[in-house]
Amino acid sequence: MPSTWVIPIKRKKSREQPFLGLTGPQSKNARSIVQRLTKAGHLAYFAGGCVRDHLLQREAKDIDIATNASPDQVQKLFPKVSDLQGKAFGVIRIQHQGESFEIAMFRQESGYQDGRRPDHVEPATPEKDAERRDFTINGLFYDPLQEKVLNYVGGIADLKKKWIRGIGDPVMRFTEDKLRLFRAVRFAAQLDFEIETETWKALCNLAPSSGQLACERVRDELVKALCSPQPLKAFDLLDFSGLFDVWIPEISLMKGVEQPPQFHPEGDVHQHVRLMFSHLSNPDPVLALGVLFHDIAKPDTFKVDPTGRIRFNEHEHVGARKTEKIMKRLRFSNEMIKDVCTLVANHMAFKDVPHMRLSTLKKFLARPTMDLELELHRIDCSSSHRLLDIYELVLEKRGELSQEELKPVPLVNGNDLIELGLAPGKLMGQVLNTLMDEQLEGKFKDREQALRRAKALINGLVE
């Protein structure tokens, strides 16, 4: 018989109880699915992560349902099917009351030749289904009709201990699906749990074999881990386990690379990046990756000048090119690559803010990634010399300048220059850039003045 644990919450008189961690109609709709399956003579429970989050009183993104009904039997009860791709593995996705729910058959799996998918799937009891899952805290079921948790694999005890523990033999669990190596790290960072000793040993031993995973799957897990409430924990676990060495070996090259002690009393480049992650919690993905890669080229650009001072000339630009290669390797989108590389390429530009011309400063502050660039600058300084004078100056300037002043509508465009006799081409671009700089500097206020200035510029070029 399963070990059960009754939820210790005060109940209202209504039988329609919300599932903890979820508000709105989703809990009610998921419960109605279980009711329909039960009425048809099947077992059905909420399963996996939603139960874990329910017990932790965390918000769950969705509710998955496990049942002893076959996919065909589920389809007869719920004809609105939105996804049949997983049917061969006993999983389908249905539409119910305008929402999407995944319903999976209780199953046993075997023969993971590709380190990802089972070769054989067959129906099983709830107990056996729980045993084939990854971690004990994800192997829980919840009966919403009886309002009790079914605890077959010790998940409740590990929730109380705050442990990530593989079900049964952790080596077998990781071997079945190598992505679980990254999932262990991600759950530890998201929940601020510790990875249980035997599970950690298995993770470290099997980390070198993770290279067979699809880049896209690894990329998504890396982002989730580094954008968790505990990104420093994610960074350390990825580092200590050897997963970084397999997927982003450039990170380890930062270890032992000395920095000028007058600017970086915290230690080497790797320690600096690690310290920066301690200043983050649930960061934007672009910011998290910007932190990870902003000094990635310091090992390549390390030099000691004749005075004995350590220098990393152009490391931000070399780093942006290196970041692009790494992110392409991990199959990031072009938009994400562009934004992260912008953060890396410009993270040293803040030192020039006190000396910028007004037009240059306005262009600098108007960049679409400025909020993230500024936050990167803040934690970069907080993790090194701790001087925030430039950060405060930028905040001051942003407060003084409106968005219209930072990014005004051009008073003169290309068509105007054509009417003034200038043909499209390189010279037109130069004139338009000069006009925008002067408009940002406040050298003319209206279109008439701008056209006069454009005419003078054109005449000067022609002469």
Protein backbone atom coordinates (compact mmCIF):
# COMPACT_ATOMS: atom_id res chain seq x y z
CA MET A 1 0.00 0.00 0.00
CA PRO A 2 1.25 3.49 -0.77
CA SER A 3 2.36 5.83 1.95
CA THR A 4 0.05 8.85 1.93
CA TRP A 5 0.29 12.27 3.47
CA VAL A 6 -2.85 14.36 4.01
CA ILE A 7 -2.37 18.03 3.14
CA PRO A 8 -2.42 19.96 6.44
CA ILE A 9 -4.50 22.91 5.30
CA LYS A 10 -7.77 24.24 6.59
CA ARG A 11 -10.59 23.21 4.27
CA LYS A 12 -13.62 25.21 3.30
CA LYS A 13 -17.03 23.57 3.13
CA SER A 14 -17.08 23.58 -0.69
CA ARG A 15 -15.77 20.41 -2.32
CA GLU A 16 -14.19 22.46 -5.16
CA GLN A 17 -10.86 23.03 -3.45
CA PRO A 18 -8.07 24.84 -5.35
CA PHE A 19 -4.84 22.97 -5.86
CA LEU A 20 -2.21 24.83 -3.85
CA GLY A 21 0.16 26.88 -5.96
CA LEU A 22 -2.36 27.38 -8.75
CA THR A 23 -5.09 29.97 -8.89
CA GLY A 24 -7.89 30.51 -11.34
CA PRO A 25 -9.72 27.86 -13.35
CA GLN A 26 -6.79 25.54 -14.13
CA SER A 27 -6.99 23.69 -10.82
CA LYS A 28 -10.74 23.24 -11.17
CA ASN A 29 -10.47 22.08 -14.79
CA ALA A 30 -7.70 19.59 -13.97
CA ARG A 31 -9.83 18.21 -11.16
CA SER A 32 -12.75 17.77 -13.54
CA ILE A 33 -10.50 15.70 -15.86
CA VAL A 34 -9.66 13.40 -12.96
CA GLN A 35 -13.35 13.17 -12.10
CA ARG A 36 -14.27 12.13 -15.64
CA LEU A 37 -11.50 9.52 -15.81
CA THR A 38 -12.47 8.17 -12.38
CA LYS A 39 -16.14 8.00 -13.31
CA ALA A 40 -15.14 5.93 -16.36
CA GLY A 41 -13.46 3.41 -14.05
CA HIS A 42 -9.83 4.58 -14.32
CA LEU A 43 -7.28 5.72 -11.77
CA ALA A 44 -6.12 9.32 -12.29
CA TYR A 45 -3.88 11.63 -10.26
CA PHE A 46 -2.03 14.89 -10.58
CA ALA A 47 1.62 13.98 -11.16
CA GLY A 48 5.19 15.16 -10.91
CA GLY A 49 6.36 18.73 -10.58
CA CYS A 50 2.96 20.25 -9.88
CA VAL A 51 2.62 18.03 -6.78
CA ARG A 52 6.11 18.99 -5.64
CA ASP A 53 5.29 22.68 -6.03
CA HIS A 54 1.91 22.13 -4.35
CA LEU A 55 3.62 20.76 -1.23
CA LEU A 56 6.21 23.56 -1.28
CA GLN A 57 3.39 26.08 -1.75
CA ARG A 58 5.07 27.35 -4.89
CA GLU A 59 3.25 28.53 -7.99
CA ALA A 60 3.04 25.72 -10.53
CA LYS A 61 3.06 26.46 -14.26
CA ASP A 62 0.73 23.61 -15.19
CA ILE A 63 -0.87 20.42 -13.93
CA ASP A 64 0.04 17.08 -15.50
CA ILE A 65 -2.22 14.08 -15.03
CA ALA A 66 -1.24 10.40 -14.85
CA THR A 67 -3.75 7.60 -15.35
CA ASN A 68 -4.07 3.89 -16.01
CA ALA A 69 -6.24 4.71 -19.03
CA SER A 70 -4.58 4.14 -22.40
CA PRO A 71 -4.18 7.07 -24.80
CA ASP A 72 -7.04 5.66 -26.91
CA GLN A 73 -9.29 5.50 -23.87
CA VAL A 74 -8.35 9.06 -22.95
CA GLN A 75 -9.16 10.21 -26.49
CA LYS A 76 -12.64 8.69 -26.28
CA LEU A 77 -13.32 10.69 -23.12
CA PHE A 78 -11.60 13.87 -24.36
CA PRO A 79 -11.89 14.11 -28.16
CA LYS A 80 -10.19 17.52 -28.35
CA VAL A 81 -6.59 16.39 -28.67
CA SER A 82 -3.93 19.05 -29.35
CA ASP A 83 -0.80 16.88 -29.55
CA LEU A 84 -0.33 13.18 -30.33
CA GLN A 85 3.45 13.24 -30.80
CA GLY A 86 4.04 11.40 -27.53
CA LYS A 87 1.30 8.81 -28.02
CA ALA A 88 3.82 6.02 -28.68
CA PHE A 89 5.20 6.73 -25.19
CA GLY A 90 1.75 6.80 -23.61
CA VAL A 91 1.42 10.60 -23.53
CA ILE A 92 -1.10 12.88 -25.23
CA ARG A 93 -2.08 16.51 -24.76
CA ILE A 94 -5.76 17.46 -24.69
CA GLN A 95 -7.79 20.65 -24.75
CA HIS A 96 -10.28 20.93 -21.89
CA GLN A 97 -12.31 24.00 -21.01
CA GLY A 98 -10.04 26.09 -23.22
CA GLU A 99 -6.84 24.89 -21.51
CA SER A 100 -4.14 22.41 -22.46
CA PHE A 101 -3.34 19.42 -20.23
CA GLU A 102 -0.85 16.58 -20.61
CA ILE A 103 -2.26 13.17 -19.73
CA ALA A 104 0.21 10.30 -19.42
CA MET A 105 -0.42 6.59 -18.97
CA PHE A 106 1.17 4.95 -15.92
CA ARG A 107 4.09 3.16 -17.55
CA GLN A 108 7.38 1.33 -17.26
CA GLU A 109 10.25 2.14 -19.62
CA SER A 110 13.39 0.30 -20.68
CA GLY A 111 16.27 0.30 -23.17
CA TYR A 112 17.47 3.90 -23.44
CA GLN A 113 19.93 3.38 -26.28
CA ASP A 114 20.13 7.06 -27.26
CA GLY A 115 20.44 8.32 -23.68
CA ARG A 116 17.16 10.14 -24.08
CA ARG A 117 14.11 8.07 -25.09
CA PRO A 118 13.03 4.60 -23.96
CA ASP A 119 13.07 1.80 -26.54
CA HIS A 120 10.19 0.00 -24.84
CA VAL A 121 7.13 1.34 -23.02
CA GLU A 122 4.42 -0.72 -21.34
CA PRO A 123 1.51 -0.02 -18.97
CA ALA A 124 2.29 -0.16 -15.27
CA THR A 125 0.94 0.53 -11.81
CA PRO A 126 1.27 3.97 -10.20
CA GLU A 127 4.07 2.55 -8.01
CA LYS A 128 6.10 1.42 -11.04
CA ASP A 129 5.41 4.68 -12.82
CA ALA A 130 6.81 6.61 -9.87
CA GLU A 131 9.93 4.44 -9.86
CA ARG A 132 10.83 5.25 -13.47
CA ARG A 133 10.83 9.03 -12.85
CA ASP A 134 13.98 11.09 -12.25
CA PHE A 135 14.05 12.43 -8.69
CA THR A 136 12.08 11.50 -5.60
CA ILE A 137 10.55 14.96 -5.26
CA ASN A 138 9.16 14.57 -8.80
CA GLY A 139 7.83 11.06 -8.18
CA LEU A 140 4.79 12.14 -6.14
CA PHE A 141 1.11 11.84 -7.10
CA TYR A 142 -1.84 13.78 -5.74
CA ASP A 143 -5.41 12.51 -5.65
CA PRO A 144 -7.51 15.71 -5.89
CA LEU A 145 -10.74 13.82 -5.12
CA GLN A 146 -9.43 12.24 -1.89
CA GLU A 147 -7.12 15.22 -1.25
CA LYS A 148 -4.06 13.16 -0.43
CA VAL A 149 -0.54 12.66 -1.73
CA LEU A 150 0.66 9.23 -2.84
CA ASN A 151 4.28 8.91 -1.83
CA TYR A 152 5.85 5.75 -3.32
CA VAL A 153 9.52 6.81 -3.56
CA GLY A 154 10.23 8.87 -0.46
CA GLY A 155 9.63 12.24 -2.07
CA ILE A 156 8.03 13.83 0.99
CA ALA A 157 11.01 13.02 3.20
CA ASP A 158 13.38 14.53 0.61
CA LEU A 159 11.22 17.64 0.34
CA LYS A 160 11.60 18.06 4.09
CA LYS A 161 15.36 17.47 3.87
CA LYS A 162 15.59 19.78 0.83
CA TRP A 163 17.33 17.08 -1.20
CA ILE A 164 17.54 16.34 -4.89
CA ARG A 165 17.86 12.54 -4.89
CA GLY A 166 17.66 10.13 -7.80
CA ILE A 167 14.98 7.46 -7.53
CA GLY A 168 16.55 4.08 -6.88
CA ASP A 169 19.96 3.85 -8.53
CA PRO A 170 20.96 7.41 -9.55
CA VAL A 171 23.45 6.07 -12.12
CA MET A 172 20.61 4.25 -13.86
CA ARG A 173 18.34 7.30 -13.71
CA PHE A 174 21.00 9.56 -15.28
CA THR A 175 21.96 6.94 -17.86
CA GLU A 176 18.35 6.66 -19.03
CA ASP A 177 18.24 10.36 -19.87
CA LYS A 178 21.47 12.36 -19.68
CA LEU A 179 19.51 15.60 -19.56
CA ARG A 180 18.70 14.67 -15.96
CA LEU A 181 22.27 15.68 -15.14
CA PHE A 182 21.32 19.27 -15.94
CA ARG A 183 17.86 18.94 -14.43
CA ALA A 184 19.40 18.03 -11.07
CA VAL A 185 21.40 21.25 -11.16
CA ARG A 186 18.39 23.25 -12.28
CA PHE A 187 16.12 21.94 -9.51
CA ALA A 188 18.82 22.53 -6.90
CA ALA A 189 19.11 26.15 -8.03
CA GLN A 190 15.38 26.75 -8.45
CA LEU A 191 14.43 25.25 -5.09
CA ASP A 192 17.67 26.03 -3.21
CA PHE A 193 18.03 22.32 -2.40
CA GLU A 194 21.18 20.24 -2.02
CA ILE A 195 21.97 17.30 -4.29
CA GLU A 196 22.11 14.11 -2.21
CA THR A 197 25.60 12.55 -1.93
CA GLU A 198 25.16 9.42 -4.06
CA THR A 199 23.20 11.38 -6.66
CA TRP A 200 25.98 13.98 -6.79
CA LYS A 201 28.66 11.32 -7.21
CA ALA A 202 26.71 9.76 -10.09
CA LEU A 203 26.21 13.19 -11.67
CA CYS A 204 29.93 14.01 -11.58
CA ASN A 205 30.93 10.58 -12.90
CA LEU A 206 28.49 10.77 -15.80
CA ALA A 207 28.97 14.46 -16.69
CA PRO A 208 31.57 13.64 -19.43
CA SER A 209 28.97 11.48 -21.19
CA SER A 210 26.52 14.41 -21.49
CA GLY A 211 28.16 15.41 -24.77
CA GLN A 212 25.71 13.22 -26.69
CA LEU A 213 22.79 15.47 -25.74
CA ALA A 214 21.16 17.81 -28.23
CA CYS A 215 22.52 21.34 -27.88
CA GLU A 216 19.03 22.81 -27.73
CA ARG A 217 18.07 20.70 -24.70
CA VAL A 218 21.25 21.65 -22.85
CA ARG A 219 20.83 25.32 -23.76
CA ASP A 220 17.33 25.44 -22.28
CA GLU A 221 18.41 23.77 -19.03
CA LEU A 222 21.43 26.08 -18.69
CA VAL A 223 19.24 29.16 -19.05
CA LYS A 224 16.67 27.87 -16.55
CA ALA A 225 19.41 27.09 -14.02
CA LEU A 226 21.29 30.39 -14.40
CA CYS A 227 18.03 32.37 -14.30
CA SER A 228 16.83 30.69 -11.12
CA PRO A 229 16.51 32.23 -7.65
CA GLN A 230 20.00 30.81 -6.89
CA PRO A 231 22.15 31.40 -10.00
CA LEU A 232 25.39 31.21 -7.99
CA LYS A 233 24.46 27.71 -6.88
CA ALA A 234 23.78 26.80 -10.51
CA PHE A 235 27.15 28.24 -11.58
CA ASP A 236 29.01 26.31 -8.88
CA LEU A 237 27.24 23.01 -9.55
CA LEU A 238 27.82 23.28 -13.30
CA ASP A 239 31.47 24.06 -12.57
CA PHE A 240 32.18 21.47 -9.88
CA SER A 241 30.34 18.68 -11.68
CA GLY A 242 32.31 19.10 -14.90
CA LEU A 243 29.25 19.95 -17.01
CA PHE A 244 30.75 23.34 -17.90
CA ASP A 245 33.92 21.56 -19.05
CA VAL A 246 31.88 19.54 -21.53
CA TRP A 247 29.63 22.32 -22.84
CA ILE A 248 31.40 25.65 -22.20
CA PRO A 249 35.05 24.76 -21.52
CA GLU A 250 35.94 28.43 -21.96
CA ILE A 251 34.60 29.04 -18.43
CA SER A 252 37.35 26.97 -16.78
CA LEU A 253 40.03 28.86 -18.73
CA MET A 254 39.24 31.91 -16.59
CA LYS A 255 40.54 30.10 -13.49
CA GLY A 256 43.93 31.34 -12.35
CA VAL A 257 43.94 34.34 -14.70
CA GLU A 258 45.17 37.15 -12.46
CA GLN A 259 43.68 40.65 -12.53
CA PRO A 260 45.04 44.05 -11.42
CA PRO A 261 44.62 43.89 -7.62
CA GLN A 262 43.92 47.63 -7.40
CA PHE A 263 40.73 47.09 -9.42
CA HIS A 264 39.98 43.44 -8.63
CA PRO A 265 40.78 42.61 -5.01
CA GLU A 266 38.35 39.69 -5.24
CA GLY A 267 40.81 37.48 -7.12
CA ASP A 268 41.10 35.91 -10.55
CA VAL A 269 38.69 36.27 -13.46
CA HIS A 270 36.73 33.13 -12.59
CA GLN A 271 36.25 34.28 -9.02
CA HIS A 272 35.07 37.67 -10.29
CA VAL A 273 32.41 36.11 -12.51
CA ARG A 274 31.37 33.78 -9.71
CA LEU A 275 31.01 36.74 -7.33
CA MET A 276 28.84 38.54 -9.87
CA PHE A 277 26.38 35.66 -9.84
CA SER A 278 26.01 36.14 -6.08
CA HIS A 279 24.41 39.52 -6.84
CA LEU A 280 21.72 37.98 -9.07
CA SER A 281 18.37 36.33 -8.39
CA ASN A 282 15.93 35.33 -11.13
CA PRO A 283 17.88 37.41 -13.67
CA ASP A 284 16.81 38.11 -17.22
CA PRO A 285 18.42 35.49 -19.51
CA VAL A 286 20.34 38.15 -21.47
CA LEU A 287 21.77 39.56 -18.24
CA ALA A 288 22.69 36.12 -16.85
CA LEU A 289 24.52 35.22 -20.06
CA GLY A 290 26.10 38.66 -20.19
CA VAL A 291 27.54 38.05 -16.72
CA LEU A 292 28.74 34.58 -17.71
CA PHE A 293 30.52 35.78 -20.86
CA HIS A 294 31.50 39.42 -20.24
CA ASP A 295 35.12 38.54 -19.35
CA ILE A 296 35.34 35.34 -21.41
CA ALA A 297 38.24 36.74 -23.48
CA LYS A 298 40.44 37.85 -20.59
CA PRO A 299 42.50 34.63 -20.78
CA ASP A 300 43.16 35.40 -24.48
CA THR A 301 44.07 39.06 -23.97
CA PHE A 302 46.08 38.82 -20.74
CA LYS A 303 49.28 40.88 -20.91
CA VAL A 304 51.65 42.53 -18.47
CA ASP A 305 52.89 45.94 -19.66
CA PRO A 306 56.44 47.31 -19.11
CA THR A 307 55.33 48.91 -15.83
CA GLY A 308 54.22 45.51 -14.51
CA ARG A 309 50.51 46.29 -14.75
CA ILE A 310 48.14 43.57 -15.95
CA ARG A 311 46.07 44.55 -18.99
CA PHE A 312 43.30 42.97 -21.04
CA ASN A 313 43.26 45.27 -24.07
CA GLU A 314 40.15 44.95 -26.26
CA HIS A 315 38.89 41.99 -24.22
CA GLU A 316 35.32 43.26 -24.53
CA HIS A 317 35.40 43.16 -28.35
CA VAL A 318 37.31 39.88 -28.53
CA GLY A 319 34.84 38.59 -25.93
CA ALA A 320 31.81 39.57 -28.00
CA ARG A 321 33.15 37.57 -30.96
CA LYS A 322 33.92 34.62 -28.69
CA THR A 323 30.48 34.84 -27.09
CA GLU A 324 28.86 34.72 -30.50
CA LYS A 325 30.69 31.49 -31.34
CA ILE A 326 29.75 29.85 -28.05
CA MET A 327 26.10 30.85 -28.32
CA LYS A 328 25.86 29.68 -31.92
CA ARG A 329 27.34 26.38 -30.79
CA LEU A 330 24.52 26.11 -28.25
CA ARG A 331 21.89 27.03 -30.86
CA PHE A 332 20.72 30.29 -29.29
CA SER A 333 18.46 32.51 -31.37
CA ASN A 334 20.03 35.29 -33.42
CA GLU A 335 18.18 37.89 -31.36
CA MET A 336 19.48 36.48 -28.07
CA ILE A 337 23.03 36.28 -29.46
CA LYS A 338 22.86 39.88 -30.62
CA ASP A 339 21.65 41.20 -27.25
CA VAL A 340 24.15 39.23 -25.16
CA CYS A 341 27.03 40.22 -27.45
CA THR A 342 25.93 43.85 -27.11
CA LEU A 343 26.26 43.57 -23.33
CA VAL A 344 29.69 41.96 -23.62
CA ALA A 345 30.99 44.41 -26.25
CA ASN A 346 29.86 47.51 -24.35
CA HIS A 347 30.53 46.63 -20.73
CA MET A 348 33.73 48.70 -20.68
CA ALA A 349 32.13 51.74 -22.35
CA PHE A 350 30.72 53.09 -19.09
CA LYS A 351 34.15 54.40 -18.07
CA ASP A 352 33.87 56.92 -20.93
CA VAL A 353 30.47 58.33 -19.86
CA PRO A 354 31.92 61.36 -17.96
CA HIS A 355 33.76 62.46 -21.12
CA MET A 356 31.11 61.77 -23.77
CA ARG A 357 29.74 64.48 -26.02
CA LEU A 358 26.03 65.04 -25.43
CA SER A 359 25.11 63.41 -28.76
CA THR A 360 27.26 60.37 -27.97
CA LEU A 361 25.80 60.09 -24.47
CA LYS A 362 22.24 60.27 -25.80
CA LYS A 363 22.93 57.52 -28.33
CA PHE A 364 24.59 55.47 -25.61
CA LEU A 365 21.64 55.82 -23.24
CA ALA A 366 19.07 55.18 -25.99
CA ARG A 367 20.27 51.66 -26.77
CA PRO A 368 17.45 49.12 -26.35
CA THR A 369 19.60 46.96 -24.06
CA MET A 370 20.64 49.85 -21.79
CA ASP A 371 18.69 48.65 -18.74
CA LEU A 372 20.51 45.31 -18.83
CA GLU A 373 23.86 46.93 -19.70
CA LEU A 374 23.52 49.25 -16.73
CA GLU A 375 22.68 46.39 -14.37
CA LEU A 376 25.67 44.42 -15.67
CA HIS A 377 27.85 47.47 -15.00
CA ARG A 378 26.47 47.79 -11.46
CA ILE A 379 27.16 44.21 -10.44
CA ASP A 380 30.51 44.25 -12.29
CA CYS A 381 31.61 47.18 -10.12
CA SER A 382 30.02 45.72 -6.98
CA SER A 383 32.04 42.55 -7.54
CA SER A 384 35.38 44.33 -7.99
CA HIS A 385 36.42 47.85 -6.94
CA ARG A 386 32.92 48.68 -5.59
CA LEU A 387 32.95 52.20 -7.04
CA LEU A 388 29.48 53.12 -8.30
CA ASP A 389 30.07 56.76 -9.23
CA ILE A 390 29.59 56.17 -12.98
CA TYR A 391 26.52 54.03 -12.34
CA GLU A 392 25.01 56.88 -10.31
CA LEU A 393 26.00 59.40 -13.00
CA VAL A 394 24.19 57.37 -15.67
CA LEU A 395 21.09 57.19 -13.48
CA GLU A 396 21.28 60.96 -13.05
CA LYS A 397 21.61 61.60 -16.79
CA ARG A 398 18.77 59.23 -17.59
CA GLY A 399 16.60 61.10 -15.13
CA GLU A 400 17.42 64.41 -16.75
CA LEU A 401 16.75 63.32 -20.34
CA SER A 402 13.34 62.30 -21.64
CA GLN A 403 12.90 59.42 -24.07
CA GLU A 404 12.07 61.97 -26.75
CA GLU A 405 15.39 63.72 -26.13
CA LEU A 406 17.30 60.42 -26.21
CA LYS A 407 15.69 59.14 -29.40
CA PRO A 408 14.09 62.06 -31.27
CA VAL A 409 12.36 61.78 -34.62
CA PRO A 410 14.86 63.00 -37.27
CA LEU A 411 14.03 66.48 -38.54
CA VAL A 412 15.56 65.65 -41.95
CA ASN A 413 15.39 62.35 -43.84
CA GLY A 414 16.85 60.87 -47.01
CA ASN A 415 14.04 62.13 -49.23
CA ASP A 416 14.75 65.67 -48.07
CA LEU A 417 18.42 65.28 -49.04
CA ILE A 418 17.47 63.96 -52.49
CA GLU A 419 15.29 67.05 -53.03
CA LEU A 420 18.32 69.14 -52.08
CA GLY A 421 20.32 67.44 -54.82
CA LEU A 422 22.23 64.72 -52.94
CA ALA A 423 22.14 61.24 -54.48
CA PRO A 424 21.68 58.13 -52.27
CA GLY A 425 24.98 56.61 -51.14
CA LYS A 426 27.77 56.88 -48.61
CA LEU A 427 27.76 60.69 -48.55
CA MET A 428 24.04 60.73 -47.74
CA GLY A 429 24.67 58.46 -44.75
CA GLN A 430 27.41 60.76 -43.51
CA VAL A 431 25.17 63.82 -43.79
CA LEU A 432 22.28 62.10 -42.00
CA ASN A 433 24.59 60.98 -39.18
CA THR A 434 26.02 64.50 -38.80
CA LEU A 435 22.54 66.01 -38.76
CA MET A 436 21.34 63.56 -36.09
CA ASP A 437 24.43 64.25 -33.93
CA GLU A 438 23.79 67.98 -34.18
CA GLN A 439 20.09 67.50 -33.48
CA LEU A 440 21.01 65.52 -30.33
CA GLU A 441 23.43 68.30 -29.38
CA GLY A 442 20.56 70.79 -29.65
CA LYS A 443 22.21 72.84 -32.41
CA PHE A 444 18.88 73.26 -34.18
CA LYS A 445 15.35 73.00 -32.88
CA ASP A 446 13.06 72.80 -35.89
CA ARG A 447 12.86 71.42 -39.41
CA GLU A 448 13.58 74.74 -41.10
CA GLN A 449 16.89 75.14 -39.27
CA ALA A 450 17.77 71.49 -39.95
CA LEU A 451 17.12 71.88 -43.71
CA ARG A 452 19.34 74.97 -43.82
CA ARG A 453 22.10 73.04 -42.08
CA ALA A 454 21.61 70.09 -44.47
CA LYS A 455 21.94 72.39 -47.47
CA ALA A 456 25.16 73.86 -46.06
CA LEU A 457 26.60 70.39 -45.46
CA ILE A 458 25.73 69.28 -49.01
CA ASN A 459 27.26 72.39 -50.50
CA GLY A 460 30.40 71.80 -48.51
CA LEU A 461 30.66 68.22 -49.74
CA VAL A 462 30.04 69.22 -53.35
CA GLU A 463 32.60 71.99 -53.24
